[in-house]
């Protein structure tokens, strides 16, 4: 695995069972161009929506 893939997996909130909605959005529906949401649209965070792959304490330690 490439180190960037490992970092993406370890920083993804889905690994601890949560979901963050609207990380990206369509800027143009015709060209289907997507952009990262940096505050342009509201983001919603839901906890415990799926079974966790790693426990929350371990995930928090990785984030540090």
C-alpha atoms as a PDB file:
ATOM      1  CA  UNK A   1       0.000   0.000   0.000  1.00  0.00           C
ATOM      2  CA  UNK A   2       1.046   3.546  -0.662  1.00  0.00           C
ATOM      3  CA  UNK A   3       1.565   5.644   2.519  1.00  0.00           C
ATOM      4  CA  UNK A   4      -1.058   8.156   1.352  1.00  0.00           C
ATOM      5  CA  UNK A   5      -3.650   5.348   1.228  1.00  0.00           C
ATOM      6  CA  UNK A   6      -2.784   4.297   4.777  1.00  0.00           C
ATOM      7  CA  UNK A   7      -3.086   7.894   5.981  1.00  0.00           C
ATOM      8  CA  UNK A   8      -6.475   8.249   4.274  1.00  0.00           C
ATOM      9  CA  UNK A   9      -7.762   5.084   5.960  1.00  0.00           C
ATOM     10  CA  UNK A  10      -6.454   6.080   9.398  1.00  0.00           C
ATOM     11  CA  UNK A  11      -7.927   9.598   9.242  1.00  0.00           C
ATOM     12  CA  UNK A  12     -11.330   8.589   7.858  1.00  0.00           C
ATOM     13  CA  UNK A  13     -14.072   8.920  10.468  1.00  0.00           C
ATOM     14  CA  UNK A  14     -15.882   5.898   8.983  1.00  0.00           C
ATOM     15  CA  UNK A  15     -13.261   3.647  10.590  1.00  0.00           C
ATOM     16  CA  UNK A  16     -14.656   4.549  14.036  1.00  0.00           C
ATOM     17  CA  UNK A  17     -18.282   4.167  12.905  1.00  0.00           C
ATOM     18  CA  UNK A  18     -19.166   7.818  12.224  1.00  0.00           C
ATOM     19  CA  UNK A  19     -20.125   9.686   9.054  1.00  0.00           C
ATOM     20  CA  UNK A  20     -19.445  13.237   7.882  1.00  0.00           C
ATOM     21  CA  UNK A  21     -21.748  14.328   5.060  1.00  0.00           C
ATOM     22  CA  UNK A  22     -21.025  16.811   2.278  1.00  0.00           C
ATOM     23  CA  UNK A  23     -17.233  16.635   2.327  1.00  0.00           C
ATOM     24  CA  UNK A  24     -17.397  17.486  -1.378  1.00  0.00           C
ATOM     25  CA  UNK A  25     -19.995  19.082  -3.599  1.00  0.00           C
ATOM     26  CA  UNK A  26     -20.721  19.630  -7.311  1.00  0.00           C
ATOM     27  CA  UNK A  27     -19.737  23.079  -8.536  1.00  0.00           C
ATOM     28  CA  UNK A  28     -21.161  22.505 -12.016  1.00  0.00           C
ATOM     29  CA  UNK A  29     -23.794  19.890 -12.729  1.00  0.00           C
ATOM     30  CA  UNK A  30     -23.086  19.909 -16.457  1.00  0.00           C
ATOM     31  CA  UNK A  31     -19.351  19.148 -16.183  1.00  0.00           C
ATOM     32  CA  UNK A  32     -19.824  17.253 -12.890  1.00  0.00           C
ATOM     33  CA  UNK A  33     -16.843  19.081 -11.349  1.00  0.00           C
ATOM     34  CA  UNK A  34     -16.475  18.361  -7.617  1.00  0.00           C
ATOM     35  CA  UNK A  35     -14.763  20.534  -5.012  1.00  0.00           C
ATOM     36  CA  UNK A  36     -13.827  19.994  -1.368  1.00  0.00           C
ATOM     37  CA  UNK A  37     -16.288  21.670   0.961  1.00  0.00           C
ATOM     38  CA  UNK A  38     -14.312  24.257   2.931  1.00  0.00           C
ATOM     39  CA  UNK A  39     -17.318  25.854   4.573  1.00  0.00           C
ATOM     40  CA  UNK A  40     -19.321  26.788   1.472  1.00  0.00           C
ATOM     41  CA  UNK A  41     -22.075  24.330   2.417  1.00  0.00           C
ATOM     42  CA  UNK A  42     -23.089  23.004   5.840  1.00  0.00           C
ATOM     43  CA  UNK A  43     -21.573  19.670   6.839  1.00  0.00           C
ATOM     44  CA  UNK A  44     -23.392  17.193   9.049  1.00  0.00           C
ATOM     45  CA  UNK A  45     -21.693  14.737  11.416  1.00  0.00           C
ATOM     46  CA  UNK A  46     -23.429  11.580  12.616  1.00  0.00           C
ATOM     47  CA  UNK A  47     -21.964   9.304  15.286  1.00  0.00           C
ATOM     48  CA  UNK A  48     -22.299   5.516  15.616  1.00  0.00           C
ATOM     49  CA  UNK A  49     -23.997   4.996  12.251  1.00  0.00           C
ATOM     50  CA  UNK A  50     -22.125   1.802  11.378  1.00  0.00           C
ATOM     51  CA  UNK A  51     -20.002  -0.862  13.086  1.00  0.00           C
ATOM     52  CA  UNK A  52     -16.582   0.525  13.983  1.00  0.00           C
ATOM     53  CA  UNK A  53     -13.459  -1.067  12.549  1.00  0.00           C
ATOM     54  CA  UNK A  54     -11.232   0.480  15.228  1.00  0.00           C
ATOM     55  CA  UNK A  55     -12.310   1.789  18.629  1.00  0.00           C
ATOM     56  CA  UNK A  56     -12.687   5.548  19.126  1.00  0.00           C
ATOM     57  CA  UNK A  57      -9.786   5.861  21.587  1.00  0.00           C
ATOM     58  CA  UNK A  58      -7.353   4.289  19.118  1.00  0.00           C
ATOM     59  CA  UNK A  59      -8.691   6.505  16.298  1.00  0.00           C
ATOM     60  CA  UNK A  60      -8.205   9.609  18.442  1.00  0.00           C
ATOM     61  CA  UNK A  61      -4.614   8.577  19.255  1.00  0.00           C
ATOM     62  CA  UNK A  62      -3.861   8.182  15.548  1.00  0.00           C
ATOM     63  CA  UNK A  63      -5.176  11.708  14.895  1.00  0.00           C
ATOM     64  CA  UNK A  64      -2.643  13.156  17.345  1.00  0.00           C
END
